[in-house]
N, C-alpha and C. Protein backbone atom coordinates (compact mmCIF):
# COMPACT_ATOMS: atom_id res chain seq x y z
N MET A 1 47.84 43.79 17.96
CA MET A 1 46.52 42.41 18.00
C MET A 1 46.21 42.14 19.87
N LEU A 2 46.94 43.58 20.52
CA LEU A 2 47.08 42.79 21.97
C LEU A 2 46.23 44.33 22.13
N PHE A 3 44.90 44.93 21.12
CA PHE A 3 44.08 45.55 21.70
C PHE A 3 42.88 45.47 21.91
N GLY A 4 42.33 43.84 20.56
CA GLY A 4 41.00 43.83 21.00
C GLY A 4 41.60 42.99 21.86
N PRO A 5 41.81 41.99 22.50
CA PRO A 5 41.53 41.09 24.15
C PRO A 5 41.26 42.43 24.82
N ILE A 6 41.77 43.33 25.17
CA ILE A 6 42.14 44.51 26.03
C ILE A 6 40.30 45.14 26.59
N LEU A 7 39.99 45.69 24.73
CA LEU A 7 38.85 45.94 24.16
C LEU A 7 37.67 45.19 25.25
N ILE A 8 37.68 43.56 24.83
CA ILE A 8 37.46 42.95 24.86
C ILE A 8 36.89 42.81 26.42
N PHE A 9 38.35 42.63 27.24
CA PHE A 9 38.63 42.76 28.37
C PHE A 9 37.26 43.77 29.09
N ASN A 10 37.45 44.83 28.43
CA ASN A 10 36.48 45.75 29.60
C ASN A 10 35.58 45.67 29.07
N MET A 11 35.11 45.70 27.76
CA MET A 11 33.27 45.54 27.48
C MET A 11 32.41 44.45 28.31
N ILE A 12 33.58 43.89 28.95
CA ILE A 12 33.31 42.89 29.57
C ILE A 12 32.95 42.41 31.23
N LEU A 13 33.29 43.49 31.70
CA LEU A 13 33.64 44.66 33.60
C LEU A 13 32.68 45.51 32.73
N ALA A 14 32.68 46.46 32.51
CA ALA A 14 31.52 46.96 31.73
C ALA A 14 30.25 46.65 31.76
N MET A 15 29.42 45.19 30.90
CA MET A 15 27.96 44.79 31.42
C MET A 15 28.58 44.63 32.86
N ASN A 16 28.88 43.53 33.57
CA ASN A 16 29.37 43.10 34.67
C ASN A 16 28.53 44.18 35.68
N HIS A 17 29.66 45.20 35.53
CA HIS A 17 29.17 46.82 35.78
C HIS A 17 27.43 47.35 35.86
N PHE A 18 27.41 47.54 34.46
CA PHE A 18 26.04 47.52 35.14
C PHE A 18 24.63 46.40 34.95
N LEU A 19 24.74 45.38 35.12
CA LEU A 19 24.65 44.95 35.77
C LEU A 19 23.66 44.59 37.01
N GLY A 20 25.11 44.90 38.08
CA GLY A 20 25.35 45.12 39.15
C GLY A 20 24.27 45.28 39.78
N GLN A 21 24.41 46.37 38.91
CA GLN A 21 23.25 47.92 39.44
C GLN A 21 22.23 47.58 38.53
N ILE A 22 21.25 47.06 37.76
CA ILE A 22 19.99 47.25 37.72
C ILE A 22 19.58 45.77 38.45
N GLU A 23 20.50 44.77 38.34
CA GLU A 23 19.76 44.65 39.93
C GLU A 23 19.45 44.70 40.92
N GLN A 24 19.99 45.96 41.63
CA GLN A 24 20.68 46.50 42.87
C GLN A 24 19.45 46.86 42.54
N THR A 25 18.58 47.72 42.25
CA THR A 25 17.79 48.38 42.16
C THR A 25 16.50 48.09 42.71
N PRO A 26 15.17 48.32 43.42
CA PRO A 26 14.64 47.75 44.00
C PRO A 26 13.52 48.23 43.42
N PRO A 27 12.73 47.15 43.59
CA PRO A 27 11.15 46.87 42.62
C PRO A 27 10.59 47.35 42.84
N GLN A 28 9.94 48.58 41.83
CA GLN A 28 8.62 49.16 42.06
C GLN A 28 7.35 48.52 41.97
N GLU A 29 6.77 49.12 42.18
CA GLU A 29 5.04 48.01 41.95
C GLU A 29 4.30 48.68 41.41
N VAL A 30 3.79 47.97 39.84
CA VAL A 30 3.90 48.34 38.72
C VAL A 30 2.65 48.35 39.08
N THR A 31 1.12 48.39 38.53
CA THR A 31 -0.59 48.42 38.85
C THR A 31 -0.51 48.73 37.03
N GLU A 32 -1.71 47.31 36.73
CA GLU A 32 -1.85 47.50 35.44
C GLU A 32 -3.02 47.76 35.36
N ILE A 33 -3.96 47.94 33.97
CA ILE A 33 -4.88 48.76 34.36
C ILE A 33 -5.00 47.93 32.30
N ALA A 34 -6.36 46.83 33.10
CA ALA A 34 -6.56 46.52 31.55
C ALA A 34 -8.33 46.45 31.31
N MET A 35 -8.19 47.46 30.04
CA MET A 35 -8.64 47.63 29.10
C MET A 35 -9.50 46.38 28.18
N VAL A 36 -10.85 45.42 28.33
CA VAL A 36 -11.47 45.09 27.30
C VAL A 36 -12.04 45.60 26.25
N LYS A 37 -11.66 45.44 24.74
CA LYS A 37 -12.56 46.11 24.43
C LYS A 37 -13.17 45.32 23.43
N GLN A 38 -14.62 44.29 22.59
CA GLN A 38 -14.76 44.29 22.35
C GLN A 38 -15.09 44.53 20.63
N ILE A 39 -14.15 43.40 19.78
CA ILE A 39 -14.12 43.94 18.81
C ILE A 39 -15.28 42.54 17.60
N LYS A 40 -15.43 42.96 17.48
CA LYS A 40 -16.88 42.24 16.79
C LYS A 40 -16.38 41.57 14.99
N GLU A 41 -16.03 39.99 15.64
CA GLU A 41 -14.84 39.48 14.32
C GLU A 41 -15.83 38.59 13.05
N GLU A 42 -15.58 39.71 11.59
CA GLU A 42 -15.99 38.92 10.89
C GLU A 42 -15.40 37.46 10.14
N PRO A 43 -16.67 36.68 10.66
CA PRO A 43 -16.90 35.82 10.18
C PRO A 43 -15.21 35.41 8.78
N LYS A 44 -14.72 34.46 9.11
CA LYS A 44 -13.33 34.33 7.86
C LYS A 44 -14.17 33.12 7.01
N GLN A 45 -13.71 33.57 5.23
CA GLN A 45 -13.92 33.63 4.13
C GLN A 45 -12.64 32.62 3.33
N GLU A 46 -12.65 31.49 3.66
CA GLU A 46 -12.32 30.44 3.39
C GLU A 46 -11.04 30.56 2.14
N VAL A 47 -10.23 31.15 1.32
CA VAL A 47 -9.39 31.50 0.15
C VAL A 47 -8.99 30.05 -0.20
N LYS A 48 -9.32 29.38 -1.54
CA LYS A 48 -8.95 28.33 -1.88
C LYS A 48 -7.50 28.33 -2.97
N LYS A 49 -7.10 28.36 -2.59
CA LYS A 49 -5.74 28.21 -3.76
C LYS A 49 -6.16 26.53 -4.95
N THR A 50 -5.33 27.57 -6.26
CA THR A 50 -5.69 26.30 -6.52
C THR A 50 -4.04 26.04 -7.32
N PRO A 51 -3.14 24.92 -7.08
CA PRO A 51 -2.13 24.95 -7.89
C PRO A 51 -1.00 25.19 -8.92
N PRO A 52 -0.70 25.80 -9.58
CA PRO A 52 -0.13 26.54 -10.44
C PRO A 52 0.03 24.76 -11.89
N PRO A 53 -0.05 26.04 -12.93
CA PRO A 53 -0.54 24.71 -14.12
C PRO A 53 0.21 24.07 -14.52
N ARG A 54 0.97 22.64 -14.71
CA ARG A 54 1.69 22.18 -15.15
C ARG A 54 1.98 22.72 -16.74
N ARG A 55 3.42 22.76 -16.48
CA ARG A 55 3.71 23.65 -18.60
C ARG A 55 3.95 22.11 -19.11
N THR A 56 2.98 21.51 -20.12
CA THR A 56 3.32 20.56 -20.43
C THR A 56 3.49 20.86 -22.18
N THR A 57 4.38 20.46 -23.27
CA THR A 57 3.70 20.24 -24.28
C THR A 57 2.66 19.55 -25.18
N PRO A 58 1.91 19.28 -26.62
CA PRO A 58 1.18 18.48 -26.71
C PRO A 58 2.71 17.63 -26.97
N ASN A 59 1.87 16.54 -27.47
CA ASN A 59 2.51 15.18 -28.31
C ASN A 59 4.12 15.01 -27.99
N GLN A 60 4.48 15.54 -26.76
CA GLN A 60 5.78 15.67 -26.45
C GLN A 60 6.32 14.12 -25.56
N ALA A 61 7.03 13.49 -25.49
CA ALA A 61 7.17 12.66 -24.77
C ALA A 61 8.12 12.71 -23.92
N PRO A 62 8.06 12.61 -23.42
CA PRO A 62 10.02 12.63 -21.83
C PRO A 62 10.37 12.29 -22.06
N ALA A 63 11.05 12.43 -21.84
CA ALA A 63 13.31 12.01 -22.05
C ALA A 63 13.46 10.96 -21.93
N PRO A 64 13.91 10.10 -23.02
CA PRO A 64 13.86 8.52 -22.66
C PRO A 64 14.84 8.56 -21.71
N PHE A 65 14.99 7.39 -20.55
CA PHE A 65 15.93 6.62 -19.07
C PHE A 65 17.32 5.98 -20.32
N THR A 66 18.05 6.92 -19.98
CA THR A 66 19.61 6.38 -20.36
C THR A 66 19.84 5.91 -19.09
N GLY A 67 19.90 6.29 -17.97
CA GLY A 67 21.04 5.51 -17.10
C GLY A 67 21.09 5.94 -15.74
N LEU A 68 22.47 4.73 -15.32
CA LEU A 68 22.54 5.81 -14.10
C LEU A 68 23.45 5.97 -13.40
N ASP A 69 23.72 6.40 -12.71
CA ASP A 69 24.95 6.70 -12.46
C ASP A 69 25.67 7.19 -10.99
N THR A 70 26.37 5.99 -10.06
CA THR A 70 26.78 6.15 -9.10
C THR A 70 26.81 7.51 -8.26
N ALA A 71 27.49 8.69 -8.62
CA ALA A 71 27.84 9.37 -8.61
C ALA A 71 26.78 10.86 -8.36
N LEU A 72 26.58 11.24 -7.79
CA LEU A 72 25.66 11.55 -6.92
C LEU A 72 25.74 13.34 -6.30
N SER A 73 25.83 14.01 -6.92
CA SER A 73 26.71 15.40 -6.50
C SER A 73 27.46 15.54 -5.71
N GLY A 74 28.56 14.82 -7.09
CA GLY A 74 29.80 14.92 -6.22
C GLY A 74 30.59 13.53 -5.44
N ILE A 75 29.40 13.01 -4.97
CA ILE A 75 29.37 11.82 -4.45
C ILE A 75 29.74 10.01 -5.01
N ASP A 76 30.85 10.13 -4.59
CA ASP A 76 31.66 8.52 -5.21
C ASP A 76 31.36 7.03 -4.62
N LEU A 77 30.25 6.98 -4.38
CA LEU A 77 29.92 5.62 -3.69
C LEU A 77 30.73 4.54 -4.17
N GLY A 78 31.18 4.86 -4.91
CA GLY A 78 32.77 3.05 -4.62
C GLY A 78 31.70 2.30 -4.88
N MET A 79 30.75 2.83 -6.59
CA MET A 79 30.56 1.57 -7.11
C MET A 79 30.50 1.41 -8.72
N LEU A 80 30.07 0.37 -9.74
CA LEU A 80 30.54 0.52 -10.52
C LEU A 80 28.33 1.04 -11.52
N GLY A 81 28.26 2.08 -12.27
CA GLY A 81 27.95 2.48 -12.80
C GLY A 81 27.00 0.81 -13.52
N PHE A 82 25.41 1.54 -14.43
CA PHE A 82 25.18 0.66 -14.89
C PHE A 82 24.23 0.89 -16.03
N ASN A 83 23.90 0.77 -17.25
CA ASN A 83 23.06 1.24 -18.35
C ASN A 83 21.86 0.75 -17.61
N ALA A 84 20.34 1.27 -17.87
CA ALA A 84 19.09 0.43 -17.50
C ALA A 84 18.99 0.16 -18.63
N GLY A 85 19.33 0.02 -20.23
CA GLY A 85 19.69 -0.85 -21.58
C GLY A 85 19.99 -2.12 -21.51
N GLN A 86 21.33 -2.29 -20.60
CA GLN A 86 21.36 -3.28 -20.81
C GLN A 86 20.57 -4.49 -19.31
N LEU A 87 19.59 -4.54 -18.70
CA LEU A 87 19.33 -4.75 -17.78
C LEU A 87 17.40 -5.54 -18.90
N GLY A 88 17.61 -5.91 -20.72
CA GLY A 88 16.48 -6.19 -20.56
C GLY A 88 17.69 -7.15 -21.27
N GLU A 89 18.36 -7.48 -21.22
CA GLU A 89 19.70 -8.94 -21.77
C GLU A 89 19.98 -9.25 -20.51
N LEU A 90 19.43 -9.14 -19.78
CA LEU A 90 19.55 -10.58 -17.97
C LEU A 90 19.64 -11.43 -18.78
N ASP A 91 19.84 -12.87 -18.27
CA ASP A 91 19.88 -13.79 -18.58
C ASP A 91 17.82 -14.41 -17.75
N GLU A 92 17.49 -14.93 -18.34
CA GLU A 92 15.53 -15.33 -17.38
C GLU A 92 16.10 -15.90 -16.31
N SER A 93 16.87 -17.21 -16.32
CA SER A 93 17.63 -18.13 -15.33
C SER A 93 17.29 -17.49 -14.17
N LEU A 94 18.71 -16.27 -13.69
CA LEU A 94 18.10 -14.95 -13.00
C LEU A 94 16.71 -15.50 -11.97
N ILE A 95 15.87 -15.49 -12.93
CA ILE A 95 14.08 -15.48 -12.50
C ILE A 95 13.66 -16.59 -11.84
N GLY A 96 15.35 -17.41 -12.82
CA GLY A 96 13.79 -19.20 -12.32
C GLY A 96 12.09 -19.21 -12.76
N ASP A 97 11.82 -20.67 -12.69
CA ASP A 97 11.97 -21.00 -14.24
C ASP A 97 9.92 -20.79 -13.52
N THR A 98 9.05 -19.96 -14.49
CA THR A 98 8.03 -19.74 -14.43
C THR A 98 6.93 -20.17 -15.00
N SER A 99 7.55 -21.08 -15.11
CA SER A 99 6.06 -22.41 -16.64
C SER A 99 5.00 -22.79 -14.67
N ASN A 100 5.42 -22.53 -13.57
CA ASN A 100 5.15 -23.24 -12.43
C ASN A 100 3.94 -22.49 -11.92
N ALA A 101 4.29 -21.29 -12.43
CA ALA A 101 3.78 -19.48 -11.33
C ALA A 101 2.36 -20.39 -11.32
N VAL A 102 1.29 -19.81 -10.08
CA VAL A 102 0.20 -19.38 -9.76
C VAL A 102 -0.64 -18.23 -9.55
N MET A 103 -1.17 -18.16 -10.28
CA MET A 103 -1.40 -16.71 -10.60
C MET A 103 -3.14 -15.73 -9.39
N THR A 104 -3.54 -15.40 -9.13
CA THR A 104 -4.69 -15.37 -8.67
C THR A 104 -5.48 -14.45 -9.95
N ALA A 105 -6.84 -14.78 -9.29
CA ALA A 105 -8.19 -14.48 -10.13
C ALA A 105 -7.86 -12.37 -10.37
N GLU A 106 -7.48 -12.09 -9.57
CA GLU A 106 -7.67 -10.60 -9.79
C GLU A 106 -6.35 -10.40 -10.97
N LEU A 107 -6.29 -11.27 -10.82
CA LEU A 107 -4.57 -9.98 -11.97
C LEU A 107 -4.43 -10.64 -13.32
N VAL A 108 -5.51 -11.34 -13.90
CA VAL A 108 -5.78 -12.39 -15.04
C VAL A 108 -6.03 -11.63 -16.03
N ASP A 109 -6.15 -12.01 -16.70
CA ASP A 109 -6.83 -10.71 -17.72
C ASP A 109 -8.09 -11.77 -17.88
N GLU A 110 -8.91 -13.35 -18.54
CA GLU A 110 -9.85 -13.85 -18.24
C GLU A 110 -9.59 -14.37 -16.66
N PRO A 111 -10.53 -14.22 -15.49
CA PRO A 111 -10.63 -15.79 -15.06
C PRO A 111 -10.74 -17.05 -15.15
N PRO A 112 -11.15 -17.67 -14.67
CA PRO A 112 -11.74 -18.82 -14.82
C PRO A 112 -12.92 -19.42 -14.42
N ARG A 113 -14.00 -19.96 -15.35
CA ARG A 113 -15.02 -19.65 -15.43
C ARG A 113 -15.86 -20.75 -15.61
N ALA A 114 -16.76 -21.58 -14.78
CA ALA A 114 -17.21 -22.90 -13.98
C ALA A 114 -18.28 -23.22 -14.97
N VAL A 115 -18.27 -24.79 -16.24
CA VAL A 115 -18.65 -24.54 -17.44
C VAL A 115 -19.46 -25.96 -17.29
N SER A 116 -19.39 -26.65 -16.36
CA SER A 116 -19.65 -27.98 -15.67
C SER A 116 -19.95 -28.18 -14.56
N THR A 117 -20.67 -28.10 -13.74
CA THR A 117 -20.63 -27.40 -12.39
C THR A 117 -21.07 -29.34 -11.98
N GLY A 118 -20.82 -30.07 -10.67
CA GLY A 118 -21.82 -30.49 -10.47
C GLY A 118 -23.01 -31.29 -9.04
N SER A 119 -23.05 -31.35 -8.26
CA SER A 119 -24.34 -31.45 -7.52
C SER A 119 -22.98 -32.17 -5.92
N PHE A 120 -24.10 -30.83 -4.52
CA PHE A 120 -23.50 -30.83 -3.99
C PHE A 120 -24.47 -31.74 -3.25
N ARG A 121 -23.72 -33.11 -2.40
CA ARG A 121 -25.20 -33.89 -1.22
C ARG A 121 -25.06 -32.95 0.25
N TYR A 122 -26.53 -32.69 0.39
CA TYR A 122 -26.51 -32.12 1.19
C TYR A 122 -26.49 -32.71 2.67
N PRO A 123 -25.75 -31.95 3.78
CA PRO A 123 -25.59 -32.94 4.55
C PRO A 123 -26.65 -33.73 5.42
N PRO A 124 -26.87 -35.07 4.93
CA PRO A 124 -28.01 -35.55 6.08
C PRO A 124 -28.66 -34.70 7.68
N SER A 125 -27.87 -34.41 8.45
CA SER A 125 -28.08 -34.24 9.81
C SER A 125 -28.04 -32.99 9.77
N ALA A 126 -27.78 -31.81 8.61
CA ALA A 126 -28.37 -30.60 8.40
C ALA A 126 -29.75 -30.24 7.61
N LYS A 127 -29.77 -31.41 6.75
CA LYS A 127 -30.65 -31.50 6.77
C LYS A 127 -31.76 -31.53 7.40
N LYS A 128 -31.81 -32.07 7.75
CA LYS A 128 -32.89 -33.10 9.26
C LYS A 128 -33.59 -31.69 9.89
N ASN A 129 -32.35 -31.16 10.45
CA ASN A 129 -32.38 -29.85 11.74
C ASN A 129 -32.82 -28.26 10.68
N GLY A 130 -33.44 -29.08 9.72
CA GLY A 130 -33.99 -27.58 8.78
C GLY A 130 -32.36 -25.71 8.42
N ILE A 131 -31.03 -26.99 8.78
CA ILE A 131 -30.15 -25.95 8.92
C ILE A 131 -29.16 -25.73 6.89
N LYS A 132 -29.47 -24.41 6.76
CA LYS A 132 -28.97 -23.11 5.64
C LYS A 132 -27.49 -22.14 6.63
N GLY A 133 -26.54 -22.22 4.99
CA GLY A 133 -25.25 -21.57 5.66
C GLY A 133 -24.75 -21.58 3.71
N TYR A 134 -22.89 -21.41 4.24
CA TYR A 134 -22.54 -20.87 2.85
C TYR A 134 -20.40 -21.83 2.96
N VAL A 135 -20.22 -22.80 1.65
CA VAL A 135 -19.16 -22.01 2.58
C VAL A 135 -18.14 -21.59 1.19
N VAL A 136 -16.83 -20.37 1.58
CA VAL A 136 -16.02 -20.36 0.77
C VAL A 136 -15.37 -21.12 0.84
N LEU A 137 -14.58 -21.24 -0.86
CA LEU A 137 -13.49 -21.99 -0.99
C LEU A 137 -12.57 -21.02 -1.57
N SER A 138 -11.15 -21.71 -1.88
CA SER A 138 -10.31 -21.08 -2.43
C SER A 138 -9.18 -22.65 -2.94
N ILE A 139 -9.72 -22.59 -4.92
CA ILE A 139 -9.72 -24.00 -5.87
C ILE A 139 -8.78 -23.06 -7.02
N LEU A 140 -7.44 -24.07 -6.73
CA LEU A 140 -6.37 -24.05 -7.42
C LEU A 140 -7.58 -24.99 -8.79
N VAL A 141 -7.69 -23.63 -10.73
CA VAL A 141 -8.08 -24.20 -10.84
C VAL A 141 -6.45 -24.36 -11.98
N THR A 142 -6.27 -25.45 -12.57
CA THR A 142 -5.38 -25.94 -13.67
C THR A 142 -5.48 -25.28 -14.94
N GLU A 143 -5.00 -25.38 -15.94
CA GLU A 143 -4.29 -25.16 -17.57
C GLU A 143 -5.31 -26.24 -18.33
N ASP A 144 -5.95 -26.94 -18.40
CA ASP A 144 -7.03 -27.82 -18.34
C ASP A 144 -8.28 -28.04 -18.09
N GLY A 145 -8.01 -26.77 -17.11
CA GLY A 145 -9.38 -26.63 -16.41
C GLY A 145 -10.22 -27.83 -14.88
N SER A 146 -9.21 -28.13 -14.45
CA SER A 146 -10.37 -29.69 -13.73
C SER A 146 -9.26 -28.50 -12.62
N VAL A 147 -9.75 -29.17 -11.08
CA VAL A 147 -9.56 -28.39 -10.43
C VAL A 147 -8.76 -29.45 -9.34
N SER A 148 -7.78 -28.89 -9.24
CA SER A 148 -5.67 -29.04 -8.59
C SER A 148 -6.27 -29.52 -7.12
N GLN A 149 -6.85 -27.87 -6.08
CA GLN A 149 -6.45 -27.86 -5.12
C GLN A 149 -7.78 -27.47 -3.92
N VAL A 150 -7.56 -27.51 -3.63
CA VAL A 150 -8.84 -26.58 -2.48
C VAL A 150 -8.93 -26.76 -1.51
N GLN A 151 -8.78 -25.09 -0.10
CA GLN A 151 -8.88 -24.61 1.05
C GLN A 151 -10.21 -24.23 0.75
N VAL A 152 -10.86 -24.20 2.58
CA VAL A 152 -11.98 -23.45 3.29
C VAL A 152 -11.07 -22.32 3.96
N LEU A 153 -12.33 -21.41 2.89
CA LEU A 153 -11.75 -20.22 3.52
C LEU A 153 -11.94 -19.25 4.85
N GLU A 154 -13.83 -19.96 4.57
CA GLU A 154 -15.27 -19.29 5.49
C GLU A 154 -15.81 -20.29 5.43
N SER A 155 -16.45 -20.59 6.38
CA SER A 155 -18.24 -21.40 6.53
C SER A 155 -18.61 -20.50 7.37
N GLN A 156 -20.18 -20.85 7.24
CA GLN A 156 -21.06 -20.58 8.68
C GLN A 156 -21.90 -21.69 8.23
N PRO A 157 -22.77 -22.58 8.80
CA PRO A 157 -22.27 -21.95 10.39
C PRO A 157 -20.40 -22.99 9.82
N ASN A 158 -19.73 -23.29 11.09
CA ASN A 158 -18.49 -23.57 10.56
C ASN A 158 -18.09 -24.65 10.99
N GLY A 159 -17.64 -25.49 9.93
CA GLY A 159 -17.74 -27.00 9.44
C GLY A 159 -18.89 -27.89 9.27
N VAL A 160 -20.12 -27.29 9.56
CA VAL A 160 -21.11 -28.18 8.74
C VAL A 160 -21.12 -28.87 6.90
N PHE A 161 -21.11 -27.63 6.55
CA PHE A 161 -21.04 -27.89 4.74
C PHE A 161 -19.64 -27.67 4.65
N ASP A 162 -18.47 -27.96 4.87
CA ASP A 162 -16.69 -27.38 4.32
C ASP A 162 -17.00 -29.59 4.36
N ALA A 163 -17.19 -30.54 4.01
CA ALA A 163 -16.51 -31.37 3.20
C ALA A 163 -17.79 -31.78 2.08
N ALA A 164 -19.11 -31.37 2.64
CA ALA A 164 -20.57 -31.26 1.13
C ALA A 164 -18.99 -30.23 -0.28
N ALA A 165 -18.68 -29.27 0.82
CA ALA A 165 -18.47 -28.54 -0.61
C ALA A 165 -16.70 -29.04 -1.16
N LEU A 166 -15.87 -29.46 -0.54
CA LEU A 166 -14.92 -30.10 -1.01
C LEU A 166 -14.74 -31.26 -1.38
N GLN A 167 -16.03 -31.98 -1.56
CA GLN A 167 -16.08 -32.98 -2.07
C GLN A 167 -16.72 -32.57 -3.43
N GLY A 168 -17.69 -31.89 -3.80
CA GLY A 168 -18.63 -31.48 -4.47
C GLY A 168 -17.70 -30.73 -5.66
N ILE A 169 -16.97 -29.40 -4.77
CA ILE A 169 -17.05 -28.90 -6.24
C ILE A 169 -15.37 -29.33 -6.79
N ARG A 170 -14.38 -30.86 -6.92
CA ARG A 170 -13.44 -31.42 -6.68
C ARG A 170 -14.51 -32.30 -8.33
N ALA A 171 -15.04 -32.58 -8.99
CA ALA A 171 -16.10 -32.73 -10.11
C ALA A 171 -16.42 -31.30 -10.96
N TRP A 172 -16.56 -30.37 -10.65
CA TRP A 172 -16.63 -29.23 -11.12
C TRP A 172 -15.48 -28.53 -12.56
N GLN A 173 -15.49 -28.73 -13.38
CA GLN A 173 -15.02 -28.32 -14.87
C GLN A 173 -14.67 -27.19 -15.20
N PHE A 174 -13.58 -25.89 -15.83
CA PHE A 174 -13.71 -24.51 -15.94
C PHE A 174 -13.54 -24.85 -16.77
N GLU A 175 -13.70 -23.24 -17.16
CA GLU A 175 -12.65 -22.71 -18.69
C GLU A 175 -11.21 -22.21 -17.75
N PRO A 176 -10.42 -22.56 -18.00
CA PRO A 176 -9.30 -21.77 -18.04
C PRO A 176 -8.51 -20.29 -17.99
N ALA A 177 -7.78 -19.68 -16.56
CA ALA A 177 -8.45 -18.59 -17.19
C ALA A 177 -7.01 -18.28 -17.84
N LYS A 178 -6.86 -16.95 -18.54
CA LYS A 178 -5.48 -16.79 -20.10
C LYS A 178 -5.37 -15.38 -18.97
N TYR A 179 -4.16 -15.16 -19.37
CA TYR A 179 -3.10 -13.83 -18.73
C TYR A 179 -2.66 -13.96 -19.99
N LYS A 180 -3.04 -12.67 -20.83
CA LYS A 180 -1.43 -12.37 -22.05
C LYS A 180 -1.81 -13.00 -23.17
N GLY A 181 -2.90 -13.61 -22.88
CA GLY A 181 -3.56 -14.35 -23.95
C GLY A 181 -3.15 -16.10 -24.20
N GLU A 182 -2.56 -16.48 -23.22
CA GLU A 182 -1.71 -17.70 -22.30
C GLU A 182 -2.56 -18.27 -21.27
N VAL A 183 -3.69 -19.93 -21.66
CA VAL A 183 -4.05 -20.44 -20.56
C VAL A 183 -2.24 -20.51 -19.03
N VAL A 184 -3.27 -20.02 -17.69
CA VAL A 184 -2.19 -20.12 -16.57
C VAL A 184 -3.40 -20.73 -15.68
N ARG A 185 -2.33 -21.75 -14.56
CA ARG A 185 -3.13 -22.13 -13.00
C ARG A 185 -3.10 -20.80 -12.77
N VAL A 186 -4.37 -20.88 -12.13
CA VAL A 186 -4.98 -19.79 -10.92
C VAL A 186 -5.97 -20.14 -9.93
N TRP A 187 -5.61 -19.71 -9.24
CA TRP A 187 -6.23 -19.52 -6.76
C TRP A 187 -7.86 -18.92 -7.38
N ALA A 188 -8.62 -19.21 -7.62
CA ALA A 188 -9.78 -18.95 -7.28
C ALA A 188 -10.88 -18.83 -6.31
N LYS A 189 -11.56 -17.74 -5.95
CA LYS A 189 -12.44 -17.73 -4.49
C LYS A 189 -13.86 -18.43 -5.37
N GLN A 190 -14.27 -18.93 -4.63
CA GLN A 190 -16.19 -20.04 -4.74
C GLN A 190 -16.90 -19.91 -3.21
N ARG A 191 -18.45 -19.88 -3.97
CA ARG A 191 -18.87 -19.36 -2.64
C ARG A 191 -20.00 -20.42 -3.45
N ILE A 192 -20.82 -21.27 -1.80
CA ILE A 192 -21.26 -22.47 -2.45
C ILE A 192 -22.58 -22.25 -1.09
N ARG A 193 -23.43 -22.16 -1.79
CA ARG A 193 -24.74 -21.95 -0.69
C ARG A 193 -25.83 -23.23 -0.59
N PHE A 194 -25.45 -23.73 0.64
CA PHE A 194 -26.97 -25.18 1.34
C PHE A 194 -28.15 -24.36 1.26
N ASP A 195 -28.73 -24.82 0.99
CA ASP A 195 -30.74 -23.76 1.07
C ASP A 195 -31.18 -25.21 0.41
N LEU A 196 -32.32 -24.97 1.44
CA LEU A 196 -33.37 -26.03 1.38
C LEU A 196 -34.36 -25.49 0.37
N SER A 197 -34.31 -24.22 0.01
CA SER A 197 -35.16 -24.20 -1.25
C SER A 197 -35.01 -24.35 -2.52
């Protein structure tokens, strides 16, 4: 047991002795001769790698999802496990009342479609000065197809045709939007052009 530390101590002394000799040697003058050789490089060709094919068997359904377990790789998080099949048994009262939910036109199966349109009153000052423009409205179409709420999203020129567009769109009647066969309330966009022609 005493032999190991003595051996290591002697090795350290020997290394320090040789290191001291290396540092004491005078530097030698070194002359480098650089030879430049031109090598003609050929253009590299790109090699396209294709991913290995996935192993699938036809008409084989993926394994069913049977549940979750909190013991991950032997680490217990101290949480109770639950079965994913139990999620369907959750009380719908946890989600809340969805009868007042409002969708957007992009999410429904059938967006609202205008069935009767009213006319828009051209503002007299804009008509007199030959001003043309448009207004983009966001309208809430109810289950019966009437317009419940209206907001101006964009207008050009700003503020000239807003009031006329808001007043005129309220008279429109729509075929209501449908989602999964049910009539739903929906926010939709409608662009109104004001043109003298």
